Amino acid sequence: MRLPHPFHSLLADQQPSQKNRPGNFELFALLKIILKNPKRDQSWLQKHTETDLGLCLGRLEEARLIRVHEQPLTGGPTAPTYSITPAGVRELALFMFPAARR
């Protein structure tokens, strides 16, 4: 019996009418970028991905895989910034290394 992905509800197979919604690879690619570059704003992230960030960031935040920092960093961007949560790191690791699931 095949086990469902831990975020099956978040990453459920998309219906043809939902073609504009981001898929697994887009979501996890964005998680990986945020992990390597914490506390970057949306304009910086957009320069480093071709994904529609509005949809991806919203879905990742709803699943509590990323955290939004509303307060600007000292001398940093004035827009909200993003960082990955421990749950996001765990899900990214399980996506990248499925054999580690035990």
C-alpha atoms as a PDB file:
ATOM      1  CA  MET A   1       0.000   0.000   0.000  1.00  0.00           C
ATOM      2  CA  ARG A   2       1.361   3.399  -0.950  1.00  0.00           C
ATOM      3  CA  LEU A   3       1.439   6.051   1.766  1.00  0.00           C
ATOM      4  CA  PRO A   4       0.096   9.507   0.920  1.00  0.00           C
ATOM      5  CA  HIS A   5       2.421  12.483   0.922  1.00  0.00           C
ATOM      6  CA  PRO A   6       2.334  14.232   4.333  1.00  0.00           C
ATOM      7  CA  PHE A   7       0.993  17.389   2.721  1.00  0.00           C
ATOM      8  CA  HIS A   8      -1.370  15.585   0.364  1.00  0.00           C
ATOM      9  CA  SER A   9      -4.106  18.148   0.984  1.00  0.00           C
ATOM     10  CA  LEU A  10      -1.707  20.981   0.149  1.00  0.00           C
ATOM     11  CA  LEU A  11      -0.166  19.249  -2.832  1.00  0.00           C
ATOM     12  CA  ALA A  12      -3.179  17.294  -4.055  1.00  0.00           C
ATOM     13  CA  ASP A  13      -3.339  16.384  -7.705  1.00  0.00           C
ATOM     14  CA  GLN A  14      -4.753  19.352  -9.481  1.00  0.00           C
ATOM     15  CA  GLN A  15      -7.842  19.311 -11.632  1.00  0.00           C
ATOM     16  CA  PRO A  16      -7.567  20.683 -15.187  1.00  0.00           C
ATOM     17  CA  SER A  17      -9.463  23.790 -14.056  1.00  0.00           C
ATOM     18  CA  GLN A  18      -6.699  24.515 -11.531  1.00  0.00           C
ATOM     19  CA  LYS A  19      -3.827  24.760 -14.015  1.00  0.00           C
ATOM     20  CA  ASN A  20      -2.732  28.117 -12.616  1.00  0.00           C
ATOM     21  CA  ARG A  21      -2.120  26.686  -9.153  1.00  0.00           C
ATOM     22  CA  PRO A  22       1.502  25.838  -8.337  1.00  0.00           C
ATOM     23  CA  GLY A  23       2.552  22.191  -8.305  1.00  0.00           C
ATOM     24  CA  ASN A  24       4.794  20.224  -5.961  1.00  0.00           C
ATOM     25  CA  PHE A  25       8.038  21.100  -7.692  1.00  0.00           C
ATOM     26  CA  GLU A  26       7.302  24.826  -7.757  1.00  0.00           C
ATOM     27  CA  LEU A  27       6.382  24.858  -4.063  1.00  0.00           C
ATOM     28  CA  PHE A  28       9.405  22.866  -2.966  1.00  0.00           C
ATOM     29  CA  ALA A  29      11.769  24.803  -5.264  1.00  0.00           C
ATOM     30  CA  LEU A  30      10.573  28.004  -3.605  1.00  0.00           C
ATOM     31  CA  LEU A  31      11.008  26.433  -0.142  1.00  0.00           C
ATOM     32  CA  LYS A  32      14.590  25.541  -1.071  1.00  0.00           C
ATOM     33  CA  ILE A  33      15.308  29.116  -2.217  1.00  0.00           C
ATOM     34  CA  ILE A  34      13.848  30.526   1.022  1.00  0.00           C
ATOM     35  CA  LEU A  35      15.901  28.043   3.082  1.00  0.00           C
ATOM     36  CA  LYS A  36      19.130  29.143   1.393  1.00  0.00           C
ATOM     37  CA  ASN A  37      18.220  32.864   1.440  1.00  0.00           C
ATOM     38  CA  PRO A  38      16.229  33.658   4.599  1.00  0.00           C
ATOM     39  CA  LYS A  39      14.576  37.013   5.230  1.00  0.00           C
ATOM     40  CA  ARG A  40      14.372  38.084   1.588  1.00  0.00           C
ATOM     41  CA  ASP A  41      11.429  40.084   0.291  1.00  0.00           C
ATOM     42  CA  GLN A  42       9.063  39.112  -2.508  1.00  0.00           C
ATOM     43  CA  SER A  43      10.779  41.259  -5.149  1.00  0.00           C
ATOM     44  CA  TRP A  44      14.110  39.530  -4.457  1.00  0.00           C
ATOM     45  CA  LEU A  45      12.451  36.109  -4.591  1.00  0.00           C
ATOM     46  CA  GLN A  46      10.718  36.974  -7.877  1.00  0.00           C
ATOM     47  CA  LYS A  47      14.101  37.703  -9.484  1.00  0.00           C
ATOM     48  CA  HIS A  48      15.252  34.177  -8.609  1.00  0.00           C
ATOM     49  CA  THR A  49      12.239  32.158  -9.719  1.00  0.00           C
ATOM     50  CA  GLU A  50       9.746  31.991 -12.570  1.00  0.00           C
ATOM     51  CA  THR A  51       6.944  30.853 -10.253  1.00  0.00           C
ATOM     52  CA  ASP A  52       3.870  32.979  -9.519  1.00  0.00           C
ATOM     53  CA  LEU A  53       4.881  33.947  -5.997  1.00  0.00           C
ATOM     54  CA  GLY A  54       1.487  35.220  -4.909  1.00  0.00           C
ATOM     55  CA  LEU A  55      -0.034  31.750  -5.131  1.00  0.00           C
ATOM     56  CA  CYS A  56       3.002  29.853  -3.849  1.00  0.00           C
ATOM     57  CA  LEU A  57       3.718  32.056  -0.852  1.00  0.00           C
ATOM     58  CA  GLY A  58       0.064  31.987   0.172  1.00  0.00           C
ATOM     59  CA  ARG A  59      -0.117  28.196   0.037  1.00  0.00           C
ATOM     60  CA  LEU A  60       3.178  27.753   1.892  1.00  0.00           C
ATOM     61  CA  GLU A  61       2.105  30.211   4.583  1.00  0.00           C
ATOM     62  CA  GLU A  62      -1.291  28.502   5.004  1.00  0.00           C
ATOM     63  CA  ALA A  63       0.492  25.177   5.488  1.00  0.00           C
ATOM     64  CA  ARG A  64       2.819  26.883   8.017  1.00  0.00           C
ATOM     65  CA  LEU A  65       5.905  25.943   6.020  1.00  0.00           C
ATOM     66  CA  ILE A  66       7.103  29.555   5.854  1.00  0.00           C
ATOM     67  CA  ARG A  67       6.882  32.505   8.214  1.00  0.00           C
ATOM     68  CA  VAL A  68       6.181  36.082   7.138  1.00  0.00           C
ATOM     69  CA  HIS A  69       8.117  38.819   8.922  1.00  0.00           C
ATOM     70  CA  GLU A  70       6.158  42.070   8.698  1.00  0.00           C
ATOM     71  CA  GLN A  71       8.722  44.225  10.503  1.00  0.00           C
ATOM     72  CA  PRO A  72      11.510  45.453   8.238  1.00  0.00           C
ATOM     73  CA  LEU A  73      15.058  44.506   9.104  1.00  0.00           C
ATOM     74  CA  THR A  74      17.414  47.286  10.136  1.00  0.00           C
ATOM     75  CA  GLY A  75      18.784  48.666   6.892  1.00  0.00           C
ATOM     76  CA  GLY A  76      16.998  45.878   5.023  1.00  0.00           C
ATOM     77  CA  PRO A  77      13.956  45.787   2.798  1.00  0.00           C
ATOM     78  CA  THR A  78      10.814  47.556   3.980  1.00  0.00           C
ATOM     79  CA  ALA A  79       8.528  44.914   2.469  1.00  0.00           C
ATOM     80  CA  PRO A  80       7.592  41.733   4.370  1.00  0.00           C
ATOM     81  CA  THR A  81      10.289  39.062   4.302  1.00  0.00           C
ATOM     82  CA  TYR A  82      10.036  35.272   4.434  1.00  0.00           C
ATOM     83  CA  SER A  83      11.806  32.458   6.261  1.00  0.00           C
ATOM     84  CA  ILE A  84      11.234  28.723   6.403  1.00  0.00           C
ATOM     85  CA  THR A  85       9.775  27.105   9.530  1.00  0.00           C
ATOM     86  CA  PRO A  86      11.026  23.870  11.116  1.00  0.00           C
ATOM     87  CA  ALA A  87       8.002  22.120   9.570  1.00  0.00           C
ATOM     88  CA  GLY A  88       9.047  23.508   6.178  1.00  0.00           C
ATOM     89  CA  VAL A  89      12.575  22.149   6.598  1.00  0.00           C
ATOM     90  CA  ARG A  90      11.165  18.739   7.539  1.00  0.00           C
ATOM     91  CA  GLU A  91       8.806  18.627   4.545  1.00  0.00           C
ATOM     92  CA  LEU A  92      11.544  19.775   2.174  1.00  0.00           C
ATOM     93  CA  ALA A  93      13.843  17.019   3.467  1.00  0.00           C
ATOM     94  CA  LEU A  94      11.110  14.399   3.046  1.00  0.00           C
ATOM     95  CA  PHE A  95      10.449  15.624  -0.494  1.00  0.00           C
ATOM     96  CA  MET A  96      14.136  15.554  -1.427  1.00  0.00           C
ATOM     97  CA  PHE A  97      14.934  12.292   0.391  1.00  0.00           C
ATOM     98  CA  PRO A  98      11.774  10.134   0.444  1.00  0.00           C
ATOM     99  CA  ALA A  99      13.699   7.119   1.774  1.00  0.00           C
ATOM    100  CA  ALA A 100      14.282   9.045   5.025  1.00  0.00           C
ATOM    101  CA  ARG A 101      10.582   8.693   5.886  1.00  0.00           C
ATOM    102  CA  ARG A 102      10.500   6.315   8.848  1.00  0.00           C
END
